[in-house]
Protein backbone atom coordinates (compact mmCIF):
# COMPACT_ATOMS: atom_id res chain seq x y z
CA MET A 1 214.58 78.12 63.28
CA LYS A 2 215.12 80.20 66.42
CA ASN A 3 212.68 79.59 69.28
CA SER A 4 212.07 82.96 70.94
CA GLY A 5 210.55 81.39 74.05
CA ASN A 6 206.99 82.65 73.69
CA THR A 7 205.49 79.18 73.14
CA PHE A 8 204.91 76.50 75.79
CA GLY A 9 204.01 72.86 75.22
CA ASN A 10 204.59 70.15 72.63
CA VAL A 11 201.29 68.63 71.46
CA PHE A 12 199.06 71.11 73.31
CA SER A 13 200.97 74.35 72.70
CA VAL A 14 200.28 77.91 73.78
CA THR A 15 201.83 81.09 72.41
CA THR A 16 201.16 84.27 74.39
CA PHE A 17 201.39 87.83 73.09
CA GLY A 18 200.99 91.40 74.33
CA GLU A 19 202.38 93.87 76.85
CA SER A 20 201.11 95.36 80.10
CA HIS A 21 200.22 98.73 78.54
CA GLY A 22 199.76 97.65 74.95
CA VAL A 23 196.48 97.45 73.07
CA ALA A 24 195.74 93.85 74.08
CA LEU A 25 197.12 90.58 75.38
CA GLY A 26 196.16 87.07 74.43
CA CYS A 27 197.17 83.62 73.28
CA ILE A 28 197.05 81.16 70.43
CA ILE A 29 196.34 77.56 71.44
CA ASP A 30 197.27 74.82 68.98
CA GLY A 31 196.68 71.09 69.32
CA CYS A 32 193.44 71.21 71.30
CA PRO A 33 191.23 68.25 70.32
CA ALA A 34 187.85 68.89 68.74
CA GLY A 35 184.65 68.50 70.69
CA ILE A 36 185.76 69.96 74.04
CA GLU A 37 183.00 72.08 75.59
CA ILE A 38 184.32 75.63 76.03
CA SER A 39 182.46 78.90 76.52
CA ALA A 40 183.55 82.50 76.98
CA ASP A 41 181.99 82.33 80.45
CA LEU A 42 184.23 79.41 81.40
CA ILE A 43 187.36 81.31 80.38
CA GLN A 44 186.08 84.55 81.94
CA LYS A 45 185.54 82.85 85.28
CA ALA A 46 189.21 81.86 85.33
CA LEU A 47 190.35 85.35 84.32
CA ASP A 48 188.20 86.97 87.01
CA ARG A 49 190.15 85.10 89.69
CA ARG A 50 193.43 86.57 88.43
CA ARG A 51 192.41 90.07 87.36
CA PRO A 52 193.61 93.23 89.12
CA GLY A 53 191.36 95.64 90.96
CA ALA A 54 189.13 92.90 92.37
CA ASN A 55 188.17 92.66 96.00
CA GLY A 56 189.27 89.62 97.94
CA ALA A 57 187.43 86.34 97.85
CA ASP A 58 185.76 87.37 101.09
CA GLY A 59 184.37 90.53 99.48
CA LYS A 60 186.72 92.85 101.38
CA LEU A 61 189.20 95.23 99.79
CA ASN A 62 192.31 93.11 99.25
CA ALA A 63 195.37 94.88 100.66
CA ALA A 64 197.66 92.52 98.75
CA VAL A 65 196.73 93.45 95.19
CA THR A 66 197.07 96.42 92.86
CA ALA A 67 194.31 99.02 92.56
CA ARG A 68 194.51 98.86 88.75
CA LYS A 69 190.99 97.99 87.61
CA GLU A 70 190.67 95.93 84.44
CA PRO A 71 187.58 93.97 83.38
CA ASP A 72 189.83 91.52 81.50
CA THR A 73 186.96 90.63 79.18
CA VAL A 74 187.94 87.76 76.93
CA GLU A 75 187.05 87.57 73.25
CA ILE A 76 187.18 84.26 71.41
CA LEU A 77 188.49 84.96 67.91
CA SER A 78 188.71 81.44 66.50
CA GLY A 79 188.74 77.71 67.18
CA ILE A 80 185.44 77.45 69.09
CA PHE A 81 182.07 77.08 67.37
CA GLU A 82 178.69 76.60 69.03
CA GLY A 83 180.33 75.99 72.39
CA LYS A 84 182.82 73.33 71.30
CA THR A 85 186.39 73.32 70.10
CA THR A 86 186.82 72.64 66.39
CA GLY A 87 190.35 71.22 66.51
CA THR A 88 191.76 74.32 64.81
CA PRO A 89 193.90 77.00 66.52
CA ILE A 90 192.08 78.84 69.29
CA ALA A 91 192.74 82.58 69.52
CA LEU A 92 191.82 84.43 72.71
CA GLU A 93 192.23 88.18 73.25
CA VAL A 94 191.81 90.59 76.17
CA ARG A 95 191.92 94.35 75.60
CA ASN A 96 193.69 96.69 78.01
CA THR A 97 191.45 99.52 79.22
CA SER A 98 193.06 101.04 82.34
CA GLN A 99 196.65 101.85 81.49
CA HIS A 100 198.29 104.74 83.36
CA SER A 101 201.41 104.85 81.20
CA THR A 102 202.46 108.28 82.50
CA ASP A 103 203.23 106.61 85.83
CA TYR A 104 206.20 104.99 84.10
CA GLY A 105 207.66 107.97 82.26
CA ASN A 106 210.64 108.15 84.62
CA LEU A 107 211.55 104.51 83.84
CA ALA A 108 212.40 104.93 80.16
CA HIS A 109 216.12 104.90 80.98
CA THR A 110 216.14 103.96 84.67
CA PHE A 111 216.21 100.34 85.81
CA ARG A 112 213.96 99.30 88.69
CA PRO A 113 215.68 97.08 91.28
CA GLY A 114 214.31 93.52 91.24
CA HIS A 115 212.68 93.94 87.83
CA ALA A 116 213.70 92.76 84.35
CA ASP A 117 214.38 96.29 83.06
CA TYR A 118 218.18 95.95 82.86
CA THR A 119 218.23 92.42 81.47
CA TYR A 120 215.59 93.25 78.84
CA ASP A 121 217.56 96.36 77.87
CA ILE A 122 220.70 94.30 77.37
CA LYS A 123 219.03 91.42 75.52
CA TYR A 124 216.97 93.60 73.17
CA GLU A 125 219.63 96.29 72.69
CA GLY A 126 217.63 99.10 74.22
CA CYS A 127 214.34 98.29 72.47
CA ARG A 128 211.96 97.63 75.35
CA ASP A 129 208.48 98.71 76.38
CA TYR A 130 209.08 100.19 79.81
CA ARG A 131 205.38 100.94 80.50
CA GLY A 132 204.34 98.69 83.36
CA GLY A 133 207.18 96.33 82.54
CA GLY A 134 205.94 95.62 79.04
CA ARG A 135 206.27 91.93 78.21
CA SER A 136 207.90 91.13 81.57
CA SER A 137 204.85 92.34 83.48
CA GLY A 138 202.79 89.94 85.54
CA ARG A 139 199.88 91.03 83.34
CA GLU A 140 201.19 88.62 80.69
CA THR A 141 199.91 85.80 82.89
CA LEU A 142 196.30 86.54 81.95
CA ALA A 143 197.01 84.83 78.62
CA ARG A 144 198.27 81.76 80.48
CA VAL A 145 195.17 81.69 82.66
CA ALA A 146 192.91 81.89 79.60
CA ALA A 147 194.75 79.00 77.97
CA GLY A 148 194.76 77.10 81.25
CA ALA A 149 190.98 77.23 81.35
CA VAL A 150 190.88 75.40 78.01
CA ALA A 151 193.41 72.85 79.26
CA ALA A 152 191.35 72.33 82.44
CA ALA A 153 188.33 71.41 80.31
CA ILE A 154 190.39 68.66 78.69
CA LEU A 155 191.60 67.38 82.06
CA LYS A 156 188.07 67.42 83.47
CA GLU A 157 187.00 64.85 80.88
CA HIS A 158 189.69 62.54 82.31
CA GLY A 159 188.87 63.17 85.97
CA ILE A 160 191.95 65.32 86.69
CA LYS A 161 191.59 68.29 89.04
CA VAL A 162 194.23 70.92 89.93
CA THR A 163 194.02 73.02 93.11
CA ALA A 164 196.53 75.62 94.32
CA TYR A 165 196.50 77.76 97.46
CA THR A 166 198.66 80.03 99.64
CA ILE A 167 200.33 78.26 102.56
CA ARG A 168 202.65 81.10 103.60
CA ALA A 169 202.67 84.86 103.06
CA ALA A 170 204.40 87.77 104.78
CA GLY A 171 206.12 85.30 107.10
CA ILE A 172 202.86 83.72 108.34
CA SER A 173 202.08 80.05 107.63
CA ALA A 174 198.79 78.22 107.25
CA GLU A 175 198.32 75.60 109.94
CA LYS A 176 195.39 73.86 108.23
CA ARG A 177 194.67 72.39 104.80
CA ASP A 178 190.92 72.94 104.48
CA LEU A 179 190.47 73.23 100.71
CA SER A 180 186.82 74.20 101.13
CA VAL A 181 187.77 77.66 102.45
CA ILE A 182 190.31 78.69 99.79
CA GLU A 183 187.86 81.03 98.06
CA GLN A 184 186.51 82.37 101.35
CA ASN A 185 189.46 84.64 102.13
CA SER A 186 191.52 87.26 100.34
CA MET A 187 194.76 85.27 100.41
CA ARG A 188 193.31 82.10 98.86
CA SER A 189 194.61 80.15 101.83
CA PRO A 190 193.25 76.83 103.16
CA ASP A 191 193.30 78.36 106.65
CA ASN A 192 190.92 81.29 107.28
CA GLU A 193 192.53 82.26 110.58
CA ALA A 194 196.03 82.35 109.08
CA ALA A 195 194.67 84.29 106.10
CA GLU A 196 193.41 87.02 108.44
CA LYS A 197 196.86 87.31 109.99
CA MET A 198 198.50 87.37 106.55
CA SER A 199 196.17 90.15 105.38
CA ALA A 200 196.76 92.20 108.52
CA LYS A 201 200.53 91.95 108.11
CA ILE A 202 200.29 92.84 104.43
CA GLU A 203 198.22 95.91 105.28
CA GLU A 204 201.02 97.01 107.62
CA LEU A 205 203.55 96.51 104.84
CA ARG A 206 201.41 98.41 102.35
CA LYS A 207 201.26 101.44 104.65
CA ALA A 208 205.04 101.26 105.05
CA GLY A 209 205.59 101.13 101.29
CA GLU A 210 206.91 97.56 101.59
CA SER A 211 206.03 94.23 99.97
CA ALA A 212 206.03 90.52 100.81
CA GLY A 213 206.50 87.10 99.28
CA GLY A 214 205.13 83.68 100.13
CA ILE A 215 204.69 80.03 99.24
CA ILE A 216 202.03 78.45 97.03
CA GLU A 217 201.22 74.75 97.27
CA CYS A 218 199.51 72.87 94.45
CA ILE A 219 197.91 69.42 94.36
CA VAL A 220 196.68 67.34 91.45
CA ASP A 221 193.97 64.77 92.11
CA GLY A 222 192.95 62.02 89.70
CA CYS A 223 196.13 62.01 87.64
CA PRO A 224 196.66 58.51 86.21
CA ALA A 225 199.99 56.73 86.33
CA GLY A 226 202.11 57.02 83.21
CA LEU A 227 202.17 60.75 82.36
CA GLY A 228 205.58 62.22 81.61
CA GLU A 229 208.56 61.36 79.44
CA PRO A 230 211.49 59.44 80.94
CA VAL A 231 214.50 61.69 80.27
CA PHE A 232 214.45 65.40 79.44
CA ASP A 233 210.68 65.89 79.47
CA LYS A 234 210.09 64.40 82.90
CA LEU A 235 206.73 65.42 84.36
CA ASP A 236 208.34 67.06 87.39
CA ALA A 237 210.90 68.79 85.17
CA GLU A 238 208.13 70.21 82.99
CA LEU A 239 206.20 71.34 86.07
CA ALA A 240 209.34 73.02 87.40
CA LYS A 241 209.89 74.79 84.09
CA ALA A 242 206.27 75.89 83.99
CA MET A 243 206.38 77.28 87.51
CA LEU A 244 209.74 79.01 87.12
CA SER A 245 208.48 80.65 83.94
CA ILE A 246 206.11 82.68 86.16
CA GLY A 247 207.89 85.97 86.73
CA ALA A 248 208.01 86.15 90.54
CA VAL A 249 208.70 82.46 91.22
CA LYS A 250 212.19 81.73 92.54
CA ALA A 251 212.05 78.11 93.72
CA PHE A 252 210.23 74.81 93.13
CA GLU A 253 210.04 71.60 95.13
CA ILE A 254 207.95 68.46 94.69
CA GLY A 255 206.96 65.93 97.34
CA ASP A 256 209.28 66.20 100.32
CA GLY A 257 211.47 68.50 98.24
CA PHE A 258 214.48 69.90 100.08
CA ALA A 259 213.49 68.02 103.24
CA ALA A 260 214.48 64.83 101.41
CA ALA A 261 218.11 65.92 101.71
CA ASP A 262 217.96 65.29 105.45
CA SER A 263 215.99 62.05 105.20
CA PHE A 264 217.09 58.42 104.77
CA GLY A 265 216.31 55.90 102.09
CA SER A 266 214.31 53.72 104.46
CA LYS A 267 212.07 56.68 105.26
CA ASN A 268 212.02 58.54 101.94
CA ASN A 269 211.15 55.51 99.78
CA ASP A 270 207.42 55.05 99.21
CA ALA A 271 206.67 51.42 100.13
CA MET A 272 204.04 49.60 98.06
CA HIS A 273 201.43 46.89 98.55
CA CYS A 274 198.62 45.33 96.55
CA GLU A 275 194.93 46.14 96.91
CA CYS A 276 191.88 44.95 95.00
CA ASP A 277 190.32 47.46 92.65
CA SER A 278 186.62 47.67 91.77
CA ASP A 279 187.09 44.84 89.27
CA GLY A 280 188.62 42.55 91.88
CA LYS A 281 192.12 42.80 90.40
CA ASN A 282 195.22 43.43 92.47
CA ILE A 283 196.78 46.84 91.81
CA PRO A 284 199.88 48.52 93.29
CA VAL A 285 199.20 51.11 96.01
CA PHE A 286 201.75 53.39 97.71
CA ASP A 287 201.83 53.60 101.50
CA THR A 288 203.27 57.12 101.51
CA ASN A 289 203.87 59.95 99.03
CA HIS A 290 207.32 61.36 99.70
CA SER A 291 207.93 61.50 95.93
CA GLY A 292 205.02 63.88 95.37
CA GLY A 293 203.34 61.57 92.87
CA VAL A 294 206.20 61.37 90.37
CA LEU A 295 208.84 58.64 90.02
CA GLY A 296 211.47 58.65 87.29
CA GLY A 297 209.77 61.66 85.77
CA ILE A 298 206.48 59.77 85.31
CA SER A 299 203.30 60.06 87.37
CA ASN A 300 202.70 57.06 89.65
CA GLY A 301 198.96 57.55 90.28
CA ASN A 302 199.41 59.22 93.66
CA GLN A 303 198.31 62.77 94.35
CA ILE A 304 200.85 65.13 92.78
CA ILE A 305 201.95 67.78 95.27
CA PHE A 306 204.48 70.58 94.84
CA ARG A 307 205.31 74.02 96.21
CA ILE A 308 206.76 77.23 94.80
CA ALA A 309 208.41 80.23 96.44
CA VAL A 310 207.16 83.67 95.38
CA LYS A 311 209.52 86.60 95.91
CA PRO A 312 208.41 89.93 97.42
CA VAL A 313 206.96 92.35 94.87
CA PRO A 314 209.94 94.41 93.64
CA SER A 315 207.86 97.59 93.13
CA ILE A 316 207.96 99.19 96.56
CA PHE A 317 207.13 102.79 97.48
CA GLN A 318 210.52 103.57 98.97
CA LYS A 319 213.58 105.28 97.53
CA GLN A 320 216.01 102.75 96.10
CA LYS A 321 219.50 102.98 94.65
CA THR A 322 219.83 102.04 91.00
CA VAL A 323 221.37 103.23 87.71
CA GLU A 324 220.11 105.07 84.66
CA LYS A 325 221.27 104.69 81.09
CA LEU A 326 222.57 107.92 79.58
CA PRO A 327 222.14 108.96 75.91
CA ASP A 328 225.76 108.00 75.14
CA GLY A 329 225.16 104.43 76.40
CA THR A 330 227.01 104.87 79.68
CA TYR A 331 225.44 104.56 83.13
CA SER A 332 225.05 106.81 86.14
CA ASP A 333 224.01 106.21 89.77
CA VAL A 334 220.56 107.53 90.69
CA GLU A 335 217.88 107.20 93.33
CA LEU A 336 214.48 105.96 92.19
CA GLU A 337 211.06 106.29 93.74
CA ILE A 338 208.49 104.10 91.96
CA LYS A 339 205.02 105.41 91.18
CA GLY A 340 201.88 103.70 89.91
CA ARG A 341 199.64 100.90 91.18
CA HIS A 342 201.29 97.70 92.35
CA ASP A 343 200.59 94.51 94.25
CA VAL A 344 201.98 94.17 97.78
CA CYS A 345 201.93 90.36 97.83
CA LEU A 346 201.43 88.35 94.67
CA CYS A 347 200.32 85.09 96.27
CA PRO A 348 196.51 85.36 95.88
CA ARG A 349 196.78 86.35 92.21
CA ILE A 350 199.50 83.80 91.43
CA VAL A 351 197.31 80.93 92.69
CA PRO A 352 195.20 80.81 89.47
CA VAL A 353 198.37 81.20 87.38
CA VAL A 354 199.93 78.18 89.10
CA GLU A 355 196.77 76.19 88.39
CA ALA A 356 196.77 77.32 84.77
CA MET A 357 200.39 76.36 84.12
CA THR A 358 199.84 72.99 85.81
CA ASN A 359 196.80 72.44 83.57
CA LEU A 360 198.92 73.21 80.50
CA VAL A 361 201.63 70.73 81.50
CA LEU A 362 199.17 67.94 82.27
CA ALA A 363 197.07 68.51 79.15
CA ASP A 364 200.19 68.36 77.01
CA MET A 365 201.44 65.18 78.69
CA LEU A 366 198.01 63.56 78.51
CA LEU A 367 197.69 64.28 74.78
CA ARG A 368 201.21 62.97 74.20
CA ASN A 369 200.16 59.65 75.72
CA LEU A 370 196.90 59.52 73.78
CA ARG A 371 198.79 59.99 70.50
CA LYS A 372 201.17 57.09 71.11
């Protein structure tokens, strides 16, 4: 049977559906254990962090994000009864309410630079929803965030916590890692001062019709040793796949990442020693964490830490050279000026998506272990 790539996960699996300007988007979650406490409010809280049209975390108008206003109200269709999961498939749906499809009328046969228009047209033989990018739109990630909220509830019962944040945007880097301030600024950065500089630069870019990229860092606390499969389903490989499945993500590194290429074995290896645990037993402890919490594709009990690179938003308000597809199937050179409402920098809205996808990976790996 052909796998069309709309489902993620093995034991805890999620299938997303819907398009940017369609009637609704949502997901089907299969494999969630019974008895997990889940409410619509819990899922809604996660969606509110990702939704468009929201002000920044500091209450100010966020220059980085699109002006499209969507309530993103979630409806639980199945799988949850009286506040707890039943063990049956969970269906979650969010209706679209603020589509401006006419903004995309000139894109029916014209391919936007940096977008998936051309590749979708080739793969699906001309049958594509060009309104807002259709299935390739970043709006698809709301289904991932909804599912990630369910996965997070599972992880919470095992003491696992996932936190992501912006460490670089528009060429400006965070100098601090104060996790307590992440939700105090519009960029979801652990450095309020750097966030102000990021926002100011992004406002300049917005006025110039430009866009920016950045880097998101993610940490996982409380992950036990032993999660991950040893060969093709390595924990870091699954995390990489999850992150690179997010539309704007172009790179992934874990631990020291690319810096390890310039290191030496004596420095890059994480030395170990024994310490007494609360029961008075000796347990292995790592002196450093160059590996990012994963060895041989399996978690080692250290904090998991990885980073992703987010490309600049391809929808910019400047004339760009591209091609259009003619009725006879041939192509012609054209100039394109994009209309509509678009993000300038995706970092603050991708933060909850990164957390959601990490939750999905860890929940799946945790349930794989529990079933052995």
